[in-house]
Amino acid sequence: MVKKHPKIVELRQMKIVLSRELRQIYGSMPKGKGIELYDQYYRSKLDLDSKEKFQEFLMERDLRDQYFKTIHTTALKQQLSAISTPSTSSTSTTLSSSYTGEKTLTRVEHLFQEQTRVANVFFFSSNDIMEQELLECRINIISDFTTLCFL
């Protein structure tokens, strides 16, 4: 892809033309050193190398950006397609009763129980919970965040 970039193609053609002229006139490239034609050739070579590296950098950056924009969605799709029925593991099937007092099924599996509980807390409604239970839920989530920090 980088080699087909219009500016790179143009620079490569200019380099080839200059190198042919140098070889025709002086027989080899090193014999033309110090001549203006050789300086033009050398500048075109440097420009070509620089442009190729810059285009490779841009392409890699774009690929990285695209990867990081879609990796979470891709990972979730893989998990959701792999889990067509609820799992029996405690980390993915229920929301901790210490948080909400009710159990709900989730579809995403997490490596640690704390991750599952923290993720589930973001999606429950606190409207039906009494203030004391809500306070306990907040304390538990802080505890889980702390635990996750030390893993």
C-alpha atoms as a PDB file:
ATOM      1  CA  MET A   1       0.000   0.000   0.000  1.00  0.00           C
ATOM      2  CA  VAL A   2       2.747   2.432   0.884  1.00  0.00           C
ATOM      3  CA  LYS A   3       4.628   1.707  -2.342  1.00  0.00           C
ATOM      4  CA  LYS A   4       1.541   2.615  -4.385  1.00  0.00           C
ATOM      5  CA  HIS A   5       1.137   6.044  -2.803  1.00  0.00           C
ATOM      6  CA  PRO A   6       1.256   8.633  -5.653  1.00  0.00           C
ATOM      7  CA  LYS A   7       3.978  10.790  -4.092  1.00  0.00           C
ATOM      8  CA  ILE A   8       6.146   7.725  -3.384  1.00  0.00           C
ATOM      9  CA  VAL A   9       5.719   6.481  -6.956  1.00  0.00           C
ATOM     10  CA  GLU A  10       6.706   9.910  -8.260  1.00  0.00           C
ATOM     11  CA  LEU A  11       9.785  10.099  -6.004  1.00  0.00           C
ATOM     12  CA  ARG A  12      10.837   6.563  -6.946  1.00  0.00           C
ATOM     13  CA  GLN A  13      10.586   7.348 -10.660  1.00  0.00           C
ATOM     14  CA  MET A  14      12.644  10.530 -10.203  1.00  0.00           C
ATOM     15  CA  LYS A  15      15.290   8.550  -8.282  1.00  0.00           C
ATOM     16  CA  ILE A  16      15.445   5.913 -11.037  1.00  0.00           C
ATOM     17  CA  VAL A  17      15.796   8.564 -13.755  1.00  0.00           C
ATOM     18  CA  LEU A  18      18.576  10.356 -11.862  1.00  0.00           C
ATOM     19  CA  SER A  19      20.439   7.118 -11.133  1.00  0.00           C
ATOM     20  CA  ARG A  20      20.281   6.108 -14.835  1.00  0.00           C
ATOM     21  CA  GLU A  21      21.675   9.496 -15.861  1.00  0.00           C
ATOM     22  CA  LEU A  22      24.491   9.195 -13.314  1.00  0.00           C
ATOM     23  CA  ARG A  23      25.392   5.705 -14.541  1.00  0.00           C
ATOM     24  CA  GLN A  24      25.311   6.771 -18.173  1.00  0.00           C
ATOM     25  CA  ILE A  25      27.530   9.786 -17.578  1.00  0.00           C
ATOM     26  CA  TYR A  26      29.952   8.452 -14.935  1.00  0.00           C
ATOM     27  CA  GLY A  27      29.681   4.691 -15.264  1.00  0.00           C
ATOM     28  CA  SER A  28      28.822   4.178 -11.574  1.00  0.00           C
ATOM     29  CA  MET A  29      27.153   6.050  -8.740  1.00  0.00           C
ATOM     30  CA  PRO A  30      30.229   6.650  -6.512  1.00  0.00           C
ATOM     31  CA  LYS A  31      32.106   8.313  -9.380  1.00  0.00           C
ATOM     32  CA  GLY A  32      29.439  11.015  -9.569  1.00  0.00           C
ATOM     33  CA  LYS A  33      29.826  12.172  -5.960  1.00  0.00           C
ATOM     34  CA  GLY A  34      30.284  15.907  -5.585  1.00  0.00           C
ATOM     35  CA  ILE A  35      28.384  16.656  -8.797  1.00  0.00           C
ATOM     36  CA  GLU A  36      25.040  18.491  -8.763  1.00  0.00           C
ATOM     37  CA  LEU A  37      23.307  15.536 -10.463  1.00  0.00           C
ATOM     38  CA  TYR A  38      24.486  13.224  -7.673  1.00  0.00           C
ATOM     39  CA  ASP A  39      23.228  15.708  -5.069  1.00  0.00           C
ATOM     40  CA  GLN A  40      19.807  15.706  -6.744  1.00  0.00           C
ATOM     41  CA  TYR A  41      19.830  11.905  -6.778  1.00  0.00           C
ATOM     42  CA  TYR A  42      20.838  11.752  -3.119  1.00  0.00           C
ATOM     43  CA  ARG A  43      18.134  14.278  -2.093  1.00  0.00           C
ATOM     44  CA  SER A  44      15.510  12.323  -4.029  1.00  0.00           C
ATOM     45  CA  LYS A  45      16.661   9.124  -2.295  1.00  0.00           C
ATOM     46  CA  LEU A  46      16.362  10.793   1.122  1.00  0.00           C
ATOM     47  CA  ASP A  47      12.969  12.249   0.231  1.00  0.00           C
ATOM     48  CA  LEU A  48      11.766   8.835  -0.911  1.00  0.00           C
ATOM     49  CA  ASP A  49      12.980   7.113   2.262  1.00  0.00           C
ATOM     50  CA  SER A  50      11.436   9.814   4.428  1.00  0.00           C
ATOM     51  CA  LYS A  51       8.100   9.717   2.614  1.00  0.00           C
ATOM     52  CA  GLU A  52       7.946   5.898   2.784  1.00  0.00           C
ATOM     53  CA  LYS A  53       8.648   5.893   6.507  1.00  0.00           C
ATOM     54  CA  PHE A  54       6.106   8.635   7.115  1.00  0.00           C
ATOM     55  CA  GLN A  55       3.416   6.805   5.116  1.00  0.00           C
ATOM     56  CA  GLU A  56       4.190   3.568   6.997  1.00  0.00           C
ATOM     57  CA  PHE A  57       3.854   5.474  10.265  1.00  0.00           C
ATOM     58  CA  LEU A  58       0.493   6.912   9.201  1.00  0.00           C
ATOM     59  CA  MET A  59      -0.750   3.514   8.081  1.00  0.00           C
ATOM     60  CA  GLU A  60       0.325   1.837  11.339  1.00  0.00           C
ATOM     61  CA  ARG A  61      -1.249   4.639  13.381  1.00  0.00           C
ATOM     62  CA  ASP A  62      -4.520   4.299  11.467  1.00  0.00           C
ATOM     63  CA  LEU A  63      -4.498   0.533  11.929  1.00  0.00           C
ATOM     64  CA  ARG A  64      -3.825   0.926  15.660  1.00  0.00           C
ATOM     65  CA  ASP A  65      -6.615   3.479  15.996  1.00  0.00           C
ATOM     66  CA  GLN A  66      -9.011   1.244  14.118  1.00  0.00           C
ATOM     67  CA  TYR A  67      -7.998  -1.758  16.228  1.00  0.00           C
ATOM     68  CA  PHE A  68      -8.488   0.027  19.533  1.00  0.00           C
ATOM     69  CA  LYS A  69     -11.810   1.498  18.384  1.00  0.00           C
ATOM     70  CA  THR A  70     -13.197  -1.955  17.573  1.00  0.00           C
ATOM     71  CA  ILE A  71     -11.458  -4.381  19.926  1.00  0.00           C
ATOM     72  CA  HIS A  72     -13.963  -3.947  22.748  1.00  0.00           C
ATOM     73  CA  THR A  73     -16.903  -4.468  20.426  1.00  0.00           C
ATOM     74  CA  THR A  74     -15.225  -7.461  18.831  1.00  0.00           C
ATOM     75  CA  ALA A  75     -14.399  -9.017  22.206  1.00  0.00           C
ATOM     76  CA  LEU A  76     -17.959  -8.510  23.426  1.00  0.00           C
ATOM     77  CA  LYS A  77     -19.408 -10.035  20.258  1.00  0.00           C
ATOM     78  CA  GLN A  78     -17.153 -13.068  20.697  1.00  0.00           C
ATOM     79  CA  GLN A  79     -18.194 -13.446  24.314  1.00  0.00           C
ATOM     80  CA  LEU A  80     -21.873 -13.025  23.505  1.00  0.00           C
ATOM     81  CA  SER A  81     -21.743 -15.511  20.660  1.00  0.00           C
ATOM     82  CA  ALA A  82     -19.882 -18.016  22.843  1.00  0.00           C
ATOM     83  CA  ILE A  83     -22.409 -17.641  25.656  1.00  0.00           C
ATOM     84  CA  SER A  84     -25.765 -18.425  24.140  1.00  0.00           C
ATOM     85  CA  THR A  85     -27.060 -19.769  27.458  1.00  0.00           C
ATOM     86  CA  PRO A  86     -26.204 -18.409  30.884  1.00  0.00           C
ATOM     87  CA  SER A  87     -23.062 -19.840  32.408  1.00  0.00           C
ATOM     88  CA  THR A  88     -23.006 -21.491  35.809  1.00  0.00           C
ATOM     89  CA  SER A  89     -19.916 -19.651  37.012  1.00  0.00           C
ATOM     90  CA  SER A  90     -20.491 -17.239  39.841  1.00  0.00           C
ATOM     91  CA  THR A  91     -18.584 -14.497  38.067  1.00  0.00           C
ATOM     92  CA  SER A  92     -20.952 -14.224  35.119  1.00  0.00           C
ATOM     93  CA  THR A  93     -24.410 -15.386  36.111  1.00  0.00           C
ATOM     94  CA  THR A  94     -25.592 -13.211  38.929  1.00  0.00           C
ATOM     95  CA  LEU A  95     -25.281  -9.756  40.264  1.00  0.00           C
ATOM     96  CA  SER A  96     -23.954  -9.824  43.788  1.00  0.00           C
ATOM     97  CA  SER A  97     -26.774  -9.740  46.286  1.00  0.00           C
ATOM     98  CA  SER A  98     -24.698  -7.472  48.480  1.00  0.00           C
ATOM     99  CA  TYR A  99     -25.072  -4.795  45.804  1.00  0.00           C
ATOM    100  CA  THR A 100     -28.730  -4.845  44.858  1.00  0.00           C
ATOM    101  CA  GLY A 101     -30.445  -7.614  46.746  1.00  0.00           C
ATOM    102  CA  GLU A 102     -31.700  -9.123  43.476  1.00  0.00           C
ATOM    103  CA  LYS A 103     -30.177 -11.573  41.043  1.00  0.00           C
ATOM    104  CA  THR A 104     -30.010 -10.907  37.312  1.00  0.00           C
ATOM    105  CA  LEU A 105     -28.345 -12.836  34.548  1.00  0.00           C
ATOM    106  CA  THR A 106     -25.499 -11.262  32.623  1.00  0.00           C
ATOM    107  CA  ARG A 107     -23.932 -12.334  29.365  1.00  0.00           C
ATOM    108  CA  VAL A 108     -20.361 -11.090  29.616  1.00  0.00           C
ATOM    109  CA  GLU A 109     -17.779 -13.133  31.465  1.00  0.00           C
ATOM    110  CA  HIS A 110     -15.096 -11.380  33.433  1.00  0.00           C
ATOM    111  CA  LEU A 111     -11.849 -12.748  34.718  1.00  0.00           C
ATOM    112  CA  PHE A 112     -12.509 -11.659  38.307  1.00  0.00           C
ATOM    113  CA  GLN A 113     -15.700 -11.578  40.379  1.00  0.00           C
ATOM    114  CA  GLU A 114     -14.979  -7.966  41.273  1.00  0.00           C
ATOM    115  CA  GLN A 115     -15.072  -6.963  37.604  1.00  0.00           C
ATOM    116  CA  THR A 116     -18.467  -8.578  37.188  1.00  0.00           C
ATOM    117  CA  ARG A 117     -19.916  -6.908  40.266  1.00  0.00           C
ATOM    118  CA  VAL A 118     -18.549  -3.490  39.286  1.00  0.00           C
ATOM    119  CA  ALA A 119     -19.869  -3.828  35.720  1.00  0.00           C
ATOM    120  CA  ASN A 120     -23.293  -4.900  36.937  1.00  0.00           C
ATOM    121  CA  VAL A 121     -23.589  -1.983  39.342  1.00  0.00           C
ATOM    122  CA  PHE A 122     -23.390   0.418  36.423  1.00  0.00           C
ATOM    123  CA  PHE A 123     -26.573  -1.100  34.940  1.00  0.00           C
ATOM    124  CA  PHE A 124     -28.921  -1.427  37.878  1.00  0.00           C
ATOM    125  CA  SER A 125     -31.539   1.077  38.907  1.00  0.00           C
ATOM    126  CA  SER A 126     -31.119   2.560  42.366  1.00  0.00           C
ATOM    127  CA  ASN A 127     -34.723   3.815  42.472  1.00  0.00           C
ATOM    128  CA  ASP A 128     -36.081   0.718  44.255  1.00  0.00           C
ATOM    129  CA  ILE A 129     -33.288   0.447  46.816  1.00  0.00           C
ATOM    130  CA  MET A 130     -33.454   1.892  50.307  1.00  0.00           C
ATOM    131  CA  GLU A 131     -30.804   4.364  51.352  1.00  0.00           C
ATOM    132  CA  GLN A 132     -29.023   1.921  53.699  1.00  0.00           C
ATOM    133  CA  GLU A 133     -28.753  -0.725  50.965  1.00  0.00           C
ATOM    134  CA  LEU A 134     -27.492   1.914  48.539  1.00  0.00           C
ATOM    135  CA  LEU A 135     -24.822   2.927  51.035  1.00  0.00           C
ATOM    136  CA  GLU A 136     -23.740  -0.720  51.434  1.00  0.00           C
ATOM    137  CA  CYS A 137     -23.650  -1.048  47.645  1.00  0.00           C
ATOM    138  CA  ARG A 138     -21.352   1.972  47.384  1.00  0.00           C
ATOM    139  CA  ILE A 139     -19.065   0.633  50.094  1.00  0.00           C
ATOM    140  CA  ASN A 140     -18.896  -2.757  48.350  1.00  0.00           C
ATOM    141  CA  ILE A 141     -18.073  -1.222  44.987  1.00  0.00           C
ATOM    142  CA  ILE A 142     -15.283   0.855  46.518  1.00  0.00           C
ATOM    143  CA  SER A 143     -13.955  -2.313  48.094  1.00  0.00           C
ATOM    144  CA  ASP A 144     -14.104  -4.088  44.727  1.00  0.00           C
ATOM    145  CA  PHE A 145     -12.323  -1.211  42.981  1.00  0.00           C
ATOM    146  CA  THR A 146      -9.615  -1.365  45.626  1.00  0.00           C
ATOM    147  CA  THR A 147      -9.285  -5.126  45.198  1.00  0.00           C
ATOM    148  CA  LEU A 148      -9.020  -4.721  41.416  1.00  0.00           C
ATOM    149  CA  CYS A 149      -6.254  -2.171  41.849  1.00  0.00           C
ATOM    150  CA  PHE A 150      -4.146  -4.711  43.713  1.00  0.00           C
ATOM    151  CA  LEU A 151      -4.685  -7.614  41.285  1.00  0.00           C
END
